[in-house]
């Protein structure tokens, strides 16, 4: 090799070294330009709800410093928030395969990935990720509660029961009420599958956790009624009236029908009078009792009871119509009475509308878990 060749090789090495040094220095300068202030500003925008601004700022942080895992994590979270689930999952999955990822960062990434799955409607995958995280660290309350929420979301009541019982740090009464409802919901699923015995066992287990669990008594009676065990059905509906008389109206129709079928219809009057002896302002018991008196021909007594109802609740439309019907009957206006009677038959005893005390979600049926905010026991039953 002559001197010229050696010189050419040396020049080439110097050029490569110079270029490498230049770009290394430039990359270093670019990275150094990422001041804490830029990241802090991005976080401020995120906390202020300025998602679009926050996205651009985190994107800039990630561009300047590709090693900033949290910036990428937040970008994925923002994609999920804007319902771009595929992009969110792509970012979070790519973060997981980085060789230098720390155990702490990996946990946060998996938490975000679980939320991606959940938001996209894939609860099974969300549960799989969360269950692994929970096994690794049972003290992580966020993971435990999120896993619990996923179990509830797809009606895995047995797993939800076991987990809540294990992790709950709430007051015993509150925990018991929710555990009871888990048993009730599991039992309801069994009843719908035709497994009435299993359903009844679950309902009775629910009472071990909450003796005042309203749906337990309702559904126990229903399960016995379906098995044509009317006396047992009546027993549990009567227990609801005893335990929670203010919720008794939920089974009044069931009781009247079953007692009639048993040939013991006279007992229903005693039930209503028993409720009213404890609470004279129970308008539902008063209405059902007035209706019975009206059927017996005790019009004056029934009219007085309808008036009592309207003194307590002027919006009780069925009582108003019944009273109008009686008044018209005294004037022998039969046509009008027939019209009003027909209208009365089309109306429930009162406008039954149930509202969630937390989010305001309304339902025509009593609910024990709000389908909107997912909270328990928030309806004005």
Protein backbone atom coordinates (compact mmCIF):
# COMPACT_ATOMS: atom_id res chain seq x y z
CA UNK A 1 0.00 0.00 0.00
CA UNK A 2 1.52 3.31 -1.08
CA UNK A 3 1.46 6.58 0.78
CA UNK A 4 -1.40 7.95 -1.34
CA UNK A 5 -3.64 5.03 -0.48
CA UNK A 6 -2.84 5.30 3.20
CA UNK A 7 -3.57 9.01 3.10
CA UNK A 8 -6.91 8.40 1.36
CA UNK A 9 -7.91 5.87 4.02
CA UNK A 10 -6.95 8.29 6.81
CA UNK A 11 -8.97 11.08 5.19
CA UNK A 12 -11.98 8.77 4.87
CA UNK A 13 -11.71 7.77 8.53
CA UNK A 14 -11.49 11.41 9.56
CA UNK A 15 -14.54 12.28 7.46
CA UNK A 16 -16.59 9.40 8.94
CA UNK A 17 -15.50 10.32 12.44
CA UNK A 18 -16.34 13.99 11.84
CA UNK A 19 -19.80 13.18 10.48
CA UNK A 20 -20.50 10.75 13.33
CA UNK A 21 -19.32 13.25 15.90
CA UNK A 22 -21.42 15.97 14.32
CA UNK A 23 -24.64 13.96 14.41
CA UNK A 24 -23.88 12.57 17.87
CA UNK A 25 -23.31 16.13 19.08
CA UNK A 26 -26.45 17.31 17.34
CA UNK A 27 -28.54 14.50 18.85
CA UNK A 28 -27.07 15.28 22.24
CA UNK A 29 -27.89 18.96 21.81
CA UNK A 30 -31.42 18.11 20.66
CA UNK A 31 -31.91 15.87 23.70
CA UNK A 32 -30.53 18.48 26.01
CA UNK A 33 -33.01 20.96 24.60
CA UNK A 34 -35.82 18.96 26.28
CA UNK A 35 -36.13 20.94 29.43
CA UNK A 36 -38.35 19.83 32.32
CA UNK A 37 -40.47 22.88 31.56
CA UNK A 38 -41.69 21.42 28.24
CA UNK A 39 -42.81 18.20 29.93
CA UNK A 40 -44.37 20.13 32.82
CA UNK A 41 -46.30 22.32 30.37
CA UNK A 42 -47.56 19.20 28.62
CA UNK A 43 -48.77 17.82 31.95
CA UNK A 44 -50.45 21.12 32.80
CA UNK A 45 -52.35 21.07 29.51
CA UNK A 46 -53.40 17.49 30.16
CA UNK A 47 -54.66 18.29 33.65
CA UNK A 48 -56.50 21.35 32.31
CA UNK A 49 -58.39 19.15 29.86
CA UNK A 50 -56.64 20.68 26.85
CA UNK A 51 -56.12 17.32 25.18
CA UNK A 52 -55.15 18.57 21.73
CA UNK A 53 -52.55 20.97 23.12
CA UNK A 54 -51.23 18.30 25.49
CA UNK A 55 -50.97 15.83 22.63
CA UNK A 56 -48.81 18.19 20.57
CA UNK A 57 -46.56 18.95 23.53
CA UNK A 58 -46.06 15.31 24.46
CA UNK A 59 -45.41 14.57 20.80
CA UNK A 60 -42.66 17.21 20.81
CA UNK A 61 -41.15 15.77 24.00
CA UNK A 62 -41.17 12.28 22.44
CA UNK A 63 -39.60 13.56 19.22
CA UNK A 64 -36.76 15.27 21.03
CA UNK A 65 -36.25 12.53 23.58
CA UNK A 66 -37.24 9.06 22.31
CA UNK A 67 -36.20 7.59 25.67
CA UNK A 68 -38.94 9.46 27.51
CA UNK A 69 -41.28 6.54 28.13
CA UNK A 70 -43.89 8.60 29.95
CA UNK A 71 -44.33 10.95 27.00
CA UNK A 72 -45.15 8.00 24.74
CA UNK A 73 -47.37 6.53 27.43
CA UNK A 74 -49.38 9.76 27.62
CA UNK A 75 -49.65 9.92 23.83
CA UNK A 76 -51.18 6.43 23.84
CA UNK A 77 -53.58 7.42 26.60
CA UNK A 78 -54.68 10.46 24.62
CA UNK A 79 -55.28 8.31 21.54
CA UNK A 80 -57.51 6.10 23.69
CA UNK A 81 -59.36 9.11 25.04
CA UNK A 82 -60.12 10.20 21.48
CA UNK A 83 -61.36 6.63 20.74
CA UNK A 84 -58.42 5.79 18.47
CA UNK A 85 -57.97 2.47 20.23
CA UNK A 86 -55.75 0.79 17.63
CA UNK A 87 -53.19 3.60 17.78
CA UNK A 88 -53.28 3.61 21.57
CA UNK A 89 -52.63 -0.13 21.71
CA UNK A 90 -49.88 0.11 19.09
CA UNK A 91 -47.96 2.69 21.11
CA UNK A 92 -48.35 0.81 24.38
CA UNK A 93 -47.39 -2.54 22.85
CA UNK A 94 -44.29 -1.04 21.22
CA UNK A 95 -43.24 0.39 24.56
CA UNK A 96 -43.44 -3.07 26.13
CA UNK A 97 -40.86 -4.56 23.74
CA UNK A 98 -38.20 -1.96 24.52
CA UNK A 99 -35.23 -3.83 26.01
CA UNK A 100 -34.38 -1.12 28.53
CA UNK A 101 -37.85 -0.73 30.02
CA UNK A 102 -37.89 -0.63 33.85
CA UNK A 103 -40.28 -2.83 35.89
CA UNK A 104 -42.05 0.31 37.15
CA UNK A 105 -42.57 1.63 33.62
CA UNK A 106 -43.72 -1.80 32.44
CA UNK A 107 -46.43 -1.83 35.10
CA UNK A 108 -47.71 1.59 34.04
CA UNK A 109 -47.71 0.57 30.39
CA UNK A 110 -49.68 -2.60 31.16
CA UNK A 111 -52.21 -0.55 33.13
CA UNK A 112 -52.71 1.69 30.11
CA UNK A 113 -52.94 -1.31 27.78
CA UNK A 114 -55.63 -2.83 30.01
CA UNK A 115 -57.58 0.41 29.74
CA UNK A 116 -57.16 0.30 25.94
CA UNK A 117 -58.67 -3.17 25.83
CA UNK A 118 -61.52 -2.20 28.13
CA UNK A 119 -62.37 0.99 26.24
CA UNK A 120 -62.39 -0.92 22.94
CA UNK A 121 -64.86 -3.44 24.39
CA UNK A 122 -62.42 -6.31 24.89
CA UNK A 123 -62.98 -6.96 28.59
CA UNK A 124 -61.54 -10.47 28.43
CA UNK A 125 -58.12 -9.17 27.38
CA UNK A 126 -58.34 -6.36 29.91
CA UNK A 127 -59.05 -8.89 32.65
CA UNK A 128 -56.14 -11.07 31.51
CA UNK A 129 -53.69 -8.16 31.79
CA UNK A 130 -55.12 -6.90 35.09
CA UNK A 131 -55.18 -10.38 36.63
CA UNK A 132 -51.45 -10.79 35.86
CA UNK A 133 -50.71 -7.40 37.39
CA UNK A 134 -52.76 -8.25 40.48
CA UNK A 135 -50.94 -11.56 40.96
CA UNK A 136 -47.62 -9.69 40.86
CA UNK A 137 -48.74 -7.04 43.34
CA UNK A 138 -51.93 -7.58 45.32
CA UNK A 139 -51.36 -4.33 47.21
CA UNK A 140 -51.95 -2.21 44.10
CA UNK A 141 -55.45 -0.86 44.81
CA UNK A 142 -55.83 0.68 41.36
CA UNK A 143 -55.30 -2.67 39.69
CA UNK A 144 -57.60 -4.47 42.13
CA UNK A 145 -60.44 -2.01 41.71
CA UNK A 146 -60.05 -1.91 37.94
CA UNK A 147 -60.11 -5.69 37.78
CA UNK A 148 -63.21 -5.68 39.97
CA UNK A 149 -64.91 -3.19 37.64
CA UNK A 150 -64.17 -5.42 34.64
CA UNK A 151 -65.60 -8.48 36.40
CA UNK A 152 -68.77 -6.51 37.13
CA UNK A 153 -68.97 -5.16 33.59
CA UNK A 154 -69.25 -8.61 32.01
CA UNK A 155 -71.23 -10.18 34.88
CA UNK A 156 -68.52 -12.47 36.24
CA UNK A 157 -70.16 -12.31 39.63
CA UNK A 158 -68.32 -15.17 41.32
CA UNK A 159 -64.90 -13.67 40.57
CA UNK A 160 -66.19 -10.24 41.58
CA UNK A 161 -67.49 -11.68 44.86
CA UNK A 162 -64.16 -13.32 45.74
CA UNK A 163 -62.10 -10.27 44.81
CA UNK A 164 -64.25 -7.70 46.61
CA UNK A 165 -64.35 -9.85 49.72
CA UNK A 166 -60.56 -10.02 49.65
CA UNK A 167 -59.73 -6.38 48.96
CA UNK A 168 -62.56 -4.39 50.48
CA UNK A 169 -61.49 -1.80 53.04
CA UNK A 170 -64.96 -0.24 53.29
CA UNK A 171 -67.35 -0.48 56.20
CA UNK A 172 -68.66 -3.99 56.72
CA UNK A 173 -72.30 -3.01 56.08
CA UNK A 174 -71.52 -1.41 52.72
CA UNK A 175 -69.36 -4.35 51.66
CA UNK A 176 -72.08 -6.78 52.72
CA UNK A 177 -74.72 -4.99 50.65
CA UNK A 178 -72.66 -5.30 47.48
CA UNK A 179 -71.60 -8.89 48.15
CA UNK A 180 -75.28 -9.74 48.60
CA UNK A 181 -76.10 -8.20 45.23
CA UNK A 182 -73.35 -10.24 43.57
CA UNK A 183 -75.07 -13.37 44.89
CA UNK A 184 -78.44 -12.06 43.71
CA UNK A 185 -77.20 -11.32 40.19
CA UNK A 186 -75.51 -14.72 39.94
CA UNK A 187 -78.73 -16.32 41.13
CA UNK A 188 -80.78 -14.33 38.61
CA UNK A 189 -78.59 -15.68 35.81
CA UNK A 190 -79.20 -19.22 37.09
CA UNK A 191 -82.96 -18.60 37.24
CA UNK A 192 -82.97 -17.32 33.66
CA UNK A 193 -81.19 -20.55 32.67
CA UNK A 194 -83.97 -22.55 34.33
CA UNK A 195 -81.83 -23.59 37.32
CA UNK A 196 -84.30 -22.43 39.94
CA UNK A 197 -82.86 -24.45 42.83
CA UNK A 198 -79.38 -23.02 42.31
CA UNK A 199 -80.92 -19.57 42.04
CA UNK A 200 -82.72 -19.95 45.37
CA UNK A 201 -79.55 -21.18 47.08
CA UNK A 202 -77.70 -18.10 45.84
CA UNK A 203 -80.50 -15.76 46.96
CA UNK A 204 -80.50 -17.27 50.45
CA UNK A 205 -76.72 -16.93 50.64
CA UNK A 206 -77.19 -13.24 49.80
CA UNK A 207 -79.23 -12.80 52.98
CA UNK A 208 -76.18 -13.89 55.01
CA UNK A 209 -74.49 -10.70 53.84
CA UNK A 210 -77.46 -8.31 53.87
CA UNK A 211 -80.79 -9.17 55.48
CA UNK A 212 -82.34 -6.02 53.98
CA UNK A 213 -81.43 -6.87 50.38
CA UNK A 214 -84.67 -5.99 48.56
CA UNK A 215 -84.20 -7.97 45.31
CA UNK A 216 -83.37 -11.14 47.26
CA UNK A 217 -86.90 -11.37 48.65
CA UNK A 218 -88.48 -10.43 45.33
CA UNK A 219 -86.52 -12.98 43.29
CA UNK A 220 -86.80 -15.73 45.91
CA UNK A 221 -90.56 -15.37 45.74
CA UNK A 222 -90.41 -15.35 41.94
CA UNK A 223 -88.31 -18.54 41.87
CA UNK A 224 -90.72 -20.35 44.17
CA UNK A 225 -93.71 -19.08 42.19
CA UNK A 226 -92.21 -20.45 38.96
CA UNK A 227 -91.90 -23.82 40.70
CA UNK A 228 -95.59 -23.51 41.68
CA UNK A 229 -94.67 -23.32 45.35
CA UNK A 230 -97.04 -20.47 46.10
CA UNK A 231 -96.89 -20.63 49.89
CA UNK A 232 -93.08 -20.31 49.83
CA UNK A 233 -93.35 -17.46 47.34
CA UNK A 234 -95.82 -15.62 49.59
CA UNK A 235 -93.58 -16.24 52.62
CA UNK A 236 -90.64 -14.37 51.10
CA UNK A 237 -92.70 -11.53 49.66
CA UNK A 238 -94.25 -11.07 53.11
CA UNK A 239 -90.75 -11.04 54.61
CA UNK A 240 -89.87 -8.13 52.32
CA UNK A 241 -92.90 -6.25 53.65
CA UNK A 242 -91.75 -6.96 57.21
CA UNK A 243 -88.08 -6.11 56.67
CA UNK A 244 -88.49 -3.18 54.25
CA UNK A 245 -92.13 -2.02 54.35
CA UNK A 246 -91.32 1.09 52.29
CA UNK A 247 -90.34 -1.22 49.43
CA UNK A 248 -93.32 -3.53 49.88
CA UNK A 249 -95.18 -1.96 46.95
CA UNK A 250 -92.79 -3.83 44.66
CA UNK A 251 -94.56 -7.10 45.55
CA UNK A 252 -98.12 -6.01 46.35
CA UNK A 253 -99.47 -7.20 42.99
CA UNK A 254 -97.59 -10.50 43.34
CA UNK A 255 -99.00 -11.01 46.83
CA UNK A 256 -102.57 -10.27 45.82
CA UNK A 257 -102.39 -12.66 42.88
CA UNK A 258 -100.79 -15.50 44.86
CA UNK A 259 -103.09 -15.16 47.88
CA UNK A 260 -106.08 -15.19 45.54
CA UNK A 261 -104.79 -18.39 43.92
CA UNK A 262 -104.29 -19.91 47.37
CA UNK A 263 -107.81 -18.94 48.44
CA UNK A 264 -106.40 -16.71 51.17
CA UNK A 265 -107.11 -13.32 49.65
CA UNK A 266 -108.49 -11.95 52.92
CA UNK A 267 -104.99 -11.96 54.36
CA UNK A 268 -103.89 -9.15 52.05
CA UNK A 269 -105.98 -6.63 54.00
CA UNK A 270 -104.11 -7.57 57.17
CA UNK A 271 -100.80 -7.03 55.38
CA UNK A 272 -101.73 -3.51 54.24
CA UNK A 273 -103.17 -2.59 57.63
CA UNK A 274 -100.02 -3.86 59.32
CA UNK A 275 -97.87 -1.60 57.14
CA UNK A 276 -100.09 1.41 57.83
CA UNK A 277 -100.04 0.80 61.59
CA UNK A 278 -96.28 1.37 61.41
CA UNK A 279 -96.37 4.13 58.82
CA UNK A 280 -99.76 5.81 58.18
CA UNK A 281 -98.23 7.79 55.29
CA UNK A 282 -97.33 4.77 53.18
CA UNK A 283 -99.37 5.84 50.15
CA UNK A 284 -98.95 2.58 48.26
CA UNK A 285 -100.36 0.45 51.09
CA UNK A 286 -103.13 2.99 51.52
CA UNK A 287 -103.96 2.90 47.80
CA UNK A 288 -104.07 -0.89 47.58
CA UNK A 289 -106.21 -1.04 50.73
CA UNK A 290 -108.61 1.60 49.34
CA UNK A 291 -108.89 -0.36 46.13
CA UNK A 292 -109.89 -3.47 48.09
CA UNK A 293 -112.47 -1.49 50.08
CA UNK A 294 -113.87 -0.14 46.84
CA UNK A 295 -114.23 -3.69 45.48
CA UNK A 296 -116.05 -4.65 48.69
CA UNK A 297 -118.52 -1.82 48.14
CA UNK A 298 -117.17 0.30 50.99
CA UNK A 299 -117.17 3.40 48.81
CA UNK A 300 -117.13 5.95 51.61
CA UNK A 301 -114.15 4.29 53.31
CA UNK A 302 -112.32 4.02 49.99
CA UNK A 303 -113.03 7.68 49.17
CA UNK A 304 -111.63 8.79 52.53
CA UNK A 305 -108.50 6.76 51.90
CA UNK A 306 -108.03 8.22 48.40
CA UNK A 307 -108.33 11.68 49.96
CA UNK A 308 -105.70 10.80 52.55
CA UNK A 309 -103.37 9.77 49.75
CA UNK A 310 -103.86 13.08 47.94
CA UNK A 311 -103.24 14.99 51.17
CA UNK A 312 -99.89 13.23 51.41
CA UNK A 313 -99.05 13.24 47.68
CA UNK A 314 -101.09 15.47 45.36
CA UNK A 315 -99.37 13.92 42.33
CA UNK A 316 -100.70 10.42 42.98
CA UNK A 317 -102.75 10.34 39.76
CA UNK A 318 -104.33 6.91 40.23
CA UNK A 319 -105.84 7.93 43.59
CA UNK A 320 -107.21 11.11 41.98
CA UNK A 321 -108.86 9.14 39.18
CA UNK A 322 -110.31 6.58 41.59
CA UNK A 323 -111.77 9.31 43.72
CA UNK A 324 -113.24 11.01 40.65
CA UNK A 325 -114.80 7.73 39.64
CA UNK A 326 -116.49 7.38 43.03
CA UNK A 327 -117.77 10.93 42.89
CA UNK A 328 -119.20 10.41 39.44
CA UNK A 329 -120.81 7.20 40.62
CA UNK A 330 -122.79 9.15 43.19
CA UNK A 331 -124.20 11.29 40.34
CA UNK A 332 -125.04 8.19 38.29
CA UNK A 333 -123.01 9.46 35.36
CA UNK A 334 -122.27 5.96 34.12
CA UNK A 335 -120.68 6.88 30.82
CA UNK A 336 -118.17 9.15 32.50
CA UNK A 337 -117.49 6.55 35.11
CA UNK A 338 -116.78 3.93 32.44
CA UNK A 339 -114.33 6.25 30.70
CA UNK A 340 -112.54 7.05 33.93
CA UNK A 341 -112.51 3.39 34.94
CA UNK A 342 -110.94 2.51 31.59
CA UNK A 343 -108.35 5.21 32.06
CA UNK A 344 -107.67 3.97 35.59
CA UNK A 345 -106.99 0.46 34.30
CA UNK A 346 -104.31 1.80 31.98
CA UNK A 347 -102.43 3.55 34.76
CA UNK A 348 -100.12 2.12 37.42
CA UNK A 349 -100.87 3.02 41.07
CA UNK A 350 -98.35 5.84 40.72
CA UNK A 351 -95.75 6.99 38.28
CA UNK A 352 -92.91 4.61 39.09
CA UNK A 353 -89.70 6.22 37.90
CA UNK A 354 -86.42 5.44 39.56
CA UNK A 355 -83.44 7.78 39.34
CA UNK A 356 -79.77 7.28 40.20
CA UNK A 357 -78.81 9.69 42.99
CA UNK A 358 -75.29 9.97 41.60
CA UNK A 359 -75.67 10.53 37.84
CA UNK A 360 -79.43 10.98 37.38
CA UNK A 361 -79.93 7.93 35.12
CA UNK A 362 -83.66 7.11 35.01
CA UNK A 363 -85.36 3.75 34.79
CA UNK A 364 -88.94 2.51 34.83
CA UNK A 365 -87.75 -0.54 36.79
CA UNK A 366 -85.90 -0.66 40.13
CA UNK A 367 -82.17 -1.17 39.57
CA UNK A 368 -79.50 -2.18 42.07
CA UNK A 369 -76.51 -1.16 39.92
CA UNK A 370 -76.55 1.94 37.74
CA UNK A 371 -75.84 1.05 34.07
CA UNK A 372 -74.56 4.56 33.48
CA UNK A 373 -72.13 5.36 36.33
CA UNK A 374 -71.75 1.72 37.49
CA UNK A 375 -72.40 2.62 41.14
CA UNK A 376 -74.26 0.35 43.53
CA UNK A 377 -77.48 1.01 45.47
CA UNK A 378 -77.93 4.57 44.18
CA UNK A 379 -81.57 4.33 43.03
CA UNK A 380 -84.46 5.78 45.04
CA UNK A 381 -86.16 2.44 45.56
